[in-house]
Amino acid sequence: VQLQASGGGLAQPGGSLRLSCAASGSAFSIYSMNWYRQAPEKQRELVAGISSTGTTNYADSVKGRFTISRDNAKNTVTLQLNSLKPEDTAVYYCYVVYDGGTRRYAYWGQGTQVTVSS
């Protein structure tokens, strides 16, 4: 399984960025696609997730500012980051869960850096 993340970079406070993650290499269907982030010296935290049916969930700290979406045909998940704050600075990771029938399989993508600074 390969998870190819793209996007990220440097943005000013109040600015926007877009992250994408493309999943490939599994014969199983995708159960959920998620974004986590980890800031220096902090634990990795769930930012947003989206199920196969389109149900979304967000961390309270990003509600109303970030939007997660997915393209089931392309097995991609996108995270739109708006109204960025310096505290959004972190390495963002794509996390995909596959439905193997009797069990689920989860994979992490490589991280992509998001830096919010003036």
N, C-alpha and C. Protein backbone atom coordinates (compact mmCIF):
# COMPACT_ATOMS: atom_id res chain seq x y z
N VAL A 1 0.85 -1.19 0.00
CA VAL A 1 0.00 0.00 0.00
C VAL A 1 0.89 1.24 0.00
N GLN A 2 0.50 2.18 -0.83
CA GLN A 2 1.23 3.44 -0.89
C GLN A 2 0.28 4.60 -0.64
N LEU A 3 0.70 5.50 0.20
CA LEU A 3 -0.05 6.73 0.44
C LEU A 3 0.85 7.89 0.06
N GLN A 4 0.45 8.60 -0.97
CA GLN A 4 1.27 9.69 -1.49
C GLN A 4 0.63 11.01 -1.11
N ALA A 5 1.26 11.70 -0.18
CA ALA A 5 0.73 12.98 0.27
C ALA A 5 1.40 14.12 -0.48
N SER A 6 0.65 15.18 -0.69
CA SER A 6 1.20 16.36 -1.35
C SER A 6 0.53 17.60 -0.78
N GLY A 7 1.12 18.73 -1.08
CA GLY A 7 0.61 19.99 -0.55
C GLY A 7 1.41 20.41 0.65
N GLY A 8 0.86 21.28 1.44
CA GLY A 8 1.59 21.80 2.58
C GLY A 8 2.49 22.95 2.18
N GLY A 9 3.33 23.36 3.11
CA GLY A 9 4.23 24.46 2.83
C GLY A 9 4.07 25.56 3.85
N LEU A 10 4.40 26.76 3.43
CA LEU A 10 4.38 27.92 4.31
C LEU A 10 3.19 28.82 3.97
N ALA A 11 2.47 29.26 4.98
CA ALA A 11 1.36 30.18 4.79
C ALA A 11 1.39 31.23 5.88
N GLN A 12 0.84 32.38 5.58
CA GLN A 12 0.72 33.42 6.59
C GLN A 12 -0.54 33.18 7.42
N PRO A 13 -0.57 33.70 8.63
CA PRO A 13 -1.80 33.60 9.42
C PRO A 13 -2.98 34.15 8.63
N GLY A 14 -4.08 33.41 8.66
CA GLY A 14 -5.25 33.78 7.88
C GLY A 14 -5.24 33.22 6.48
N GLY A 15 -4.16 32.64 6.08
CA GLY A 15 -4.03 32.09 4.74
C GLY A 15 -4.60 30.70 4.61
N SER A 16 -4.37 30.11 3.44
CA SER A 16 -4.93 28.79 3.13
C SER A 16 -3.86 27.87 2.53
N LEU A 17 -4.07 26.60 2.75
CA LEU A 17 -3.27 25.56 2.11
C LEU A 17 -4.19 24.39 1.79
N ARG A 18 -3.70 23.52 0.94
CA ARG A 18 -4.47 22.34 0.55
C ARG A 18 -3.56 21.12 0.58
N LEU A 19 -4.01 20.10 1.28
CA LEU A 19 -3.28 18.84 1.35
C LEU A 19 -4.06 17.76 0.62
N SER A 20 -3.33 16.90 -0.06
CA SER A 20 -3.97 15.77 -0.73
C SER A 20 -3.21 14.49 -0.43
N CYS A 21 -3.92 13.39 -0.47
CA CYS A 21 -3.30 12.09 -0.23
C CYS A 21 -3.97 11.08 -1.16
N ALA A 22 -3.15 10.39 -1.93
CA ALA A 22 -3.66 9.38 -2.85
C ALA A 22 -3.24 8.00 -2.35
N ALA A 23 -4.21 7.10 -2.23
CA ALA A 23 -3.95 5.75 -1.75
C ALA A 23 -3.99 4.77 -2.91
N SER A 24 -3.08 3.81 -2.87
CA SER A 24 -3.04 2.80 -3.92
C SER A 24 -2.41 1.52 -3.39
N GLY A 25 -2.64 0.44 -4.12
CA GLY A 25 -1.95 -0.80 -3.81
C GLY A 25 -2.70 -1.80 -2.97
N SER A 26 -3.97 -1.55 -2.68
CA SER A 26 -4.73 -2.52 -1.90
C SER A 26 -5.97 -2.97 -2.67
N ALA A 27 -6.31 -4.23 -2.51
CA ALA A 27 -7.51 -4.74 -3.14
C ALA A 27 -8.75 -4.52 -2.29
N PHE A 28 -8.55 -4.12 -1.05
CA PHE A 28 -9.67 -3.90 -0.14
C PHE A 28 -10.28 -2.51 -0.35
N SER A 29 -11.51 -2.37 0.05
CA SER A 29 -12.14 -1.06 -0.01
C SER A 29 -11.67 -0.21 1.17
N ILE A 30 -11.74 1.08 0.97
CA ILE A 30 -11.30 2.00 2.02
C ILE A 30 -12.45 2.25 2.99
N TYR A 31 -12.16 2.05 4.26
CA TYR A 31 -13.16 2.29 5.30
C TYR A 31 -13.21 3.77 5.68
N SER A 32 -12.05 4.35 5.92
CA SER A 32 -12.01 5.77 6.26
C SER A 32 -10.67 6.36 5.83
N MET A 33 -10.68 7.67 5.62
CA MET A 33 -9.47 8.41 5.28
C MET A 33 -9.37 9.57 6.25
N ASN A 34 -8.20 9.79 6.78
CA ASN A 34 -8.04 10.73 7.88
C ASN A 34 -6.77 11.54 7.73
N TRP A 35 -6.76 12.66 8.42
CA TRP A 35 -5.56 13.47 8.57
C TRP A 35 -5.26 13.65 10.05
N TYR A 36 -4.03 13.39 10.41
CA TYR A 36 -3.51 13.65 11.75
C TYR A 36 -2.42 14.72 11.63
N ARG A 37 -2.07 15.28 12.74
CA ARG A 37 -0.94 16.21 12.75
C ARG A 37 -0.17 16.05 14.05
N GLN A 38 1.10 16.42 13.95
CA GLN A 38 1.96 16.36 15.13
C GLN A 38 2.85 17.58 15.14
N ALA A 39 2.68 18.39 16.16
CA ALA A 39 3.53 19.56 16.35
C ALA A 39 4.74 19.15 17.20
N PRO A 40 5.80 19.93 17.15
CA PRO A 40 6.99 19.59 17.93
C PRO A 40 6.66 19.40 19.41
N GLU A 41 7.13 18.33 19.96
CA GLU A 41 6.98 18.01 21.38
C GLU A 41 5.52 17.82 21.80
N LYS A 42 4.68 17.53 20.84
CA LYS A 42 3.28 17.25 21.15
C LYS A 42 2.90 15.89 20.57
N GLN A 43 1.82 15.33 21.10
CA GLN A 43 1.35 14.06 20.60
C GLN A 43 0.63 14.24 19.27
N ARG A 44 0.67 13.19 18.47
CA ARG A 44 -0.06 13.21 17.22
C ARG A 44 -1.56 13.25 17.53
N GLU A 45 -2.29 14.08 16.80
CA GLU A 45 -3.72 14.22 17.05
C GLU A 45 -4.51 14.13 15.76
N LEU A 46 -5.73 13.63 15.88
CA LEU A 46 -6.63 13.56 14.74
C LEU A 46 -7.11 14.95 14.39
N VAL A 47 -6.98 15.32 13.14
CA VAL A 47 -7.46 16.61 12.66
C VAL A 47 -8.85 16.47 12.04
N ALA A 48 -8.98 15.51 11.14
CA ALA A 48 -10.25 15.31 10.46
C ALA A 48 -10.29 13.92 9.85
N GLY A 49 -11.49 13.40 9.72
CA GLY A 49 -11.67 12.09 9.10
C GLY A 49 -12.93 12.06 8.28
N ILE A 50 -12.96 11.15 7.31
CA ILE A 50 -14.14 11.01 6.48
C ILE A 50 -14.34 9.52 6.17
N SER A 51 -15.58 9.08 6.36
CA SER A 51 -15.89 7.66 6.14
C SER A 51 -16.19 7.39 4.67
N SER A 52 -16.41 6.12 4.37
CA SER A 52 -16.73 5.74 3.00
C SER A 52 -18.07 6.31 2.55
N THR A 53 -18.92 6.61 3.52
CA THR A 53 -20.23 7.18 3.18
C THR A 53 -20.23 8.70 3.20
N GLY A 54 -19.09 9.28 3.51
CA GLY A 54 -18.99 10.74 3.50
C GLY A 54 -19.19 11.41 4.84
N THR A 55 -19.39 10.63 5.87
CA THR A 55 -19.51 11.22 7.21
C THR A 55 -18.17 11.78 7.65
N THR A 56 -18.19 13.00 8.12
CA THR A 56 -16.95 13.66 8.52
C THR A 56 -16.90 13.93 10.02
N ASN A 57 -15.70 14.04 10.53
CA ASN A 57 -15.51 14.47 11.91
C ASN A 57 -14.27 15.33 11.96
N TYR A 58 -14.27 16.29 12.85
CA TYR A 58 -13.19 17.26 12.96
C TYR A 58 -12.78 17.47 14.41
N ALA A 59 -11.53 17.79 14.59
CA ALA A 59 -11.09 18.25 15.90
C ALA A 59 -11.74 19.60 16.16
N ASP A 60 -12.07 19.86 17.42
CA ASP A 60 -12.73 21.13 17.75
C ASP A 60 -11.89 22.32 17.31
N SER A 61 -10.59 22.18 17.36
CA SER A 61 -9.70 23.30 17.06
C SER A 61 -9.71 23.70 15.59
N VAL A 62 -10.25 22.84 14.73
CA VAL A 62 -10.23 23.16 13.29
C VAL A 62 -11.63 23.28 12.70
N LYS A 63 -12.65 23.02 13.49
CA LYS A 63 -14.02 23.10 12.97
C LYS A 63 -14.30 24.49 12.43
N GLY A 64 -14.89 24.52 11.25
CA GLY A 64 -15.22 25.78 10.62
C GLY A 64 -14.08 26.38 9.81
N ARG A 65 -12.90 25.80 9.94
CA ARG A 65 -11.74 26.32 9.19
C ARG A 65 -11.19 25.30 8.19
N PHE A 66 -11.23 24.04 8.57
CA PHE A 66 -10.71 22.98 7.71
C PHE A 66 -11.87 22.18 7.12
N THR A 67 -11.67 21.70 5.91
CA THR A 67 -12.68 20.87 5.27
C THR A 67 -12.02 19.65 4.66
N ILE A 68 -12.54 18.48 5.01
CA ILE A 68 -12.02 17.23 4.45
C ILE A 68 -13.00 16.71 3.41
N SER A 69 -12.45 16.17 2.34
CA SER A 69 -13.28 15.60 1.29
C SER A 69 -12.54 14.42 0.68
N ARG A 70 -13.27 13.59 -0.03
CA ARG A 70 -12.63 12.44 -0.64
C ARG A 70 -13.24 12.16 -2.01
N ASP A 71 -12.42 11.57 -2.85
CA ASP A 71 -12.85 11.12 -4.16
C ASP A 71 -12.73 9.61 -4.15
N ASN A 72 -13.85 8.93 -4.01
CA ASN A 72 -13.82 7.47 -3.89
C ASN A 72 -13.31 6.80 -5.16
N ALA A 73 -13.57 7.40 -6.29
CA ALA A 73 -13.13 6.79 -7.55
C ALA A 73 -11.61 6.83 -7.67
N LYS A 74 -11.01 7.87 -7.11
CA LYS A 74 -9.56 8.03 -7.22
C LYS A 74 -8.83 7.66 -5.94
N ASN A 75 -9.59 7.26 -4.91
CA ASN A 75 -8.99 6.92 -3.61
C ASN A 75 -8.09 8.05 -3.10
N THR A 76 -8.61 9.24 -3.16
CA THR A 76 -7.86 10.39 -2.66
C THR A 76 -8.66 11.12 -1.59
N VAL A 77 -7.95 11.72 -0.69
CA VAL A 77 -8.55 12.54 0.35
C VAL A 77 -7.84 13.89 0.34
N THR A 78 -8.63 14.92 0.51
CA THR A 78 -8.11 16.28 0.48
C THR A 78 -8.49 17.00 1.76
N LEU A 79 -7.58 17.78 2.26
CA LEU A 79 -7.85 18.62 3.43
C LEU A 79 -7.59 20.06 3.04
N GLN A 80 -8.64 20.85 3.04
CA GLN A 80 -8.53 22.29 2.76
C GLN A 80 -8.36 23.01 4.09
N LEU A 81 -7.29 23.74 4.22
CA LEU A 81 -6.98 24.45 5.45
C LEU A 81 -7.16 25.95 5.20
N ASN A 82 -8.15 26.52 5.83
CA ASN A 82 -8.41 27.95 5.71
C ASN A 82 -8.24 28.64 7.05
N SER A 83 -8.13 29.95 6.99
CA SER A 83 -8.00 30.76 8.22
C SER A 83 -6.92 30.17 9.13
N LEU A 84 -5.79 29.89 8.55
CA LEU A 84 -4.72 29.24 9.29
C LEU A 84 -4.20 30.09 10.43
N LYS A 85 -3.81 29.38 11.49
CA LYS A 85 -3.26 30.02 12.68
C LYS A 85 -1.86 29.45 12.93
N PRO A 86 -1.03 30.20 13.62
CA PRO A 86 0.32 29.67 13.92
C PRO A 86 0.27 28.33 14.64
N GLU A 87 -0.75 28.11 15.44
CA GLU A 87 -0.85 26.84 16.16
C GLU A 87 -1.23 25.67 15.27
N ASP A 88 -1.52 25.94 14.01
CA ASP A 88 -1.75 24.85 13.05
C ASP A 88 -0.43 24.29 12.50
N THR A 89 0.65 24.94 12.83
CA THR A 89 1.96 24.48 12.38
C THR A 89 2.24 23.08 12.92
N ALA A 90 2.51 22.16 12.00
CA ALA A 90 2.74 20.77 12.38
C ALA A 90 3.09 19.98 11.14
N VAL A 91 3.50 18.75 11.37
CA VAL A 91 3.61 17.79 10.28
C VAL A 91 2.26 17.08 10.18
N TYR A 92 1.70 17.08 9.01
CA TYR A 92 0.38 16.48 8.78
C TYR A 92 0.56 15.12 8.11
N TYR A 93 -0.17 14.13 8.62
CA TYR A 93 -0.07 12.76 8.14
C TYR A 93 -1.42 12.26 7.64
N CYS A 94 -1.39 11.62 6.51
CA CYS A 94 -2.55 10.93 5.98
C CYS A 94 -2.62 9.54 6.63
N TYR A 95 -3.82 9.10 7.00
CA TYR A 95 -4.01 7.80 7.67
C TYR A 95 -5.23 7.15 7.04
N VAL A 96 -5.01 6.02 6.41
CA VAL A 96 -6.09 5.36 5.67
C VAL A 96 -6.37 3.99 6.27
N VAL A 97 -7.64 3.71 6.47
CA VAL A 97 -8.08 2.43 7.02
C VAL A 97 -8.84 1.67 5.96
N TYR A 98 -8.38 0.44 5.72
CA TYR A 98 -9.03 -0.43 4.74
C TYR A 98 -9.93 -1.44 5.44
N ASP A 99 -10.99 -1.80 4.78
CA ASP A 99 -11.92 -2.81 5.30
C ASP A 99 -11.59 -4.15 4.68
N GLY A 100 -10.97 -5.03 5.48
CA GLY A 100 -10.58 -6.35 4.99
C GLY A 100 -11.61 -7.42 5.27
N GLY A 101 -12.81 -7.01 5.66
CA GLY A 101 -13.86 -7.98 5.95
C GLY A 101 -13.82 -8.39 7.42
N THR A 102 -12.92 -9.28 7.74
CA THR A 102 -12.83 -9.75 9.12
C THR A 102 -11.94 -8.87 9.99
N ARG A 103 -11.20 -8.02 9.37
CA ARG A 103 -10.37 -7.08 10.11
C ARG A 103 -10.10 -5.87 9.25
N ARG A 104 -9.58 -4.83 9.89
CA ARG A 104 -9.23 -3.60 9.17
C ARG A 104 -7.72 -3.42 9.16
N TYR A 105 -7.25 -2.77 8.13
CA TYR A 105 -5.83 -2.53 7.97
C TYR A 105 -5.60 -1.03 7.86
N ALA A 106 -4.65 -0.52 8.61
CA ALA A 106 -4.41 0.92 8.63
C ALA A 106 -2.99 1.24 8.24
N TYR A 107 -2.85 2.33 7.51
CA TYR A 107 -1.54 2.73 7.01
C TYR A 107 -1.36 4.24 7.18
N TRP A 108 -0.12 4.60 7.42
CA TRP A 108 0.26 6.02 7.52
C TRP A 108 0.98 6.44 6.25
N GLY A 109 0.69 7.65 5.81
CA GLY A 109 1.46 8.24 4.74
C GLY A 109 2.66 8.98 5.31
N GLN A 110 3.51 9.44 4.42
CA GLN A 110 4.64 10.24 4.90
C GLN A 110 4.09 11.61 5.29
N GLY A 111 4.69 12.25 6.20
CA GLY A 111 4.20 13.53 6.66
C GLY A 111 4.51 14.65 5.68
N THR A 112 3.70 15.68 5.78
CA THR A 112 3.95 16.88 5.00
C THR A 112 3.89 18.08 5.94
N GLN A 113 4.87 18.95 5.83
CA GLN A 113 5.00 20.05 6.78
C GLN A 113 4.07 21.20 6.42
N VAL A 114 3.37 21.68 7.42
CA VAL A 114 2.58 22.91 7.31
C VAL A 114 3.15 23.90 8.32
N THR A 115 3.56 25.04 7.83
CA THR A 115 4.10 26.09 8.70
C THR A 115 3.29 27.36 8.49
N VAL A 116 2.78 27.89 9.59
CA VAL A 116 1.99 29.12 9.53
C VAL A 116 2.77 30.18 10.29
N SER A 117 3.23 31.16 9.55
CA SER A 117 4.07 32.20 10.15
C SER A 117 4.04 33.45 9.30
N SER A 118 4.15 34.57 9.96
CA SER A 118 4.24 35.83 9.22
C SER A 118 5.70 36.21 8.98
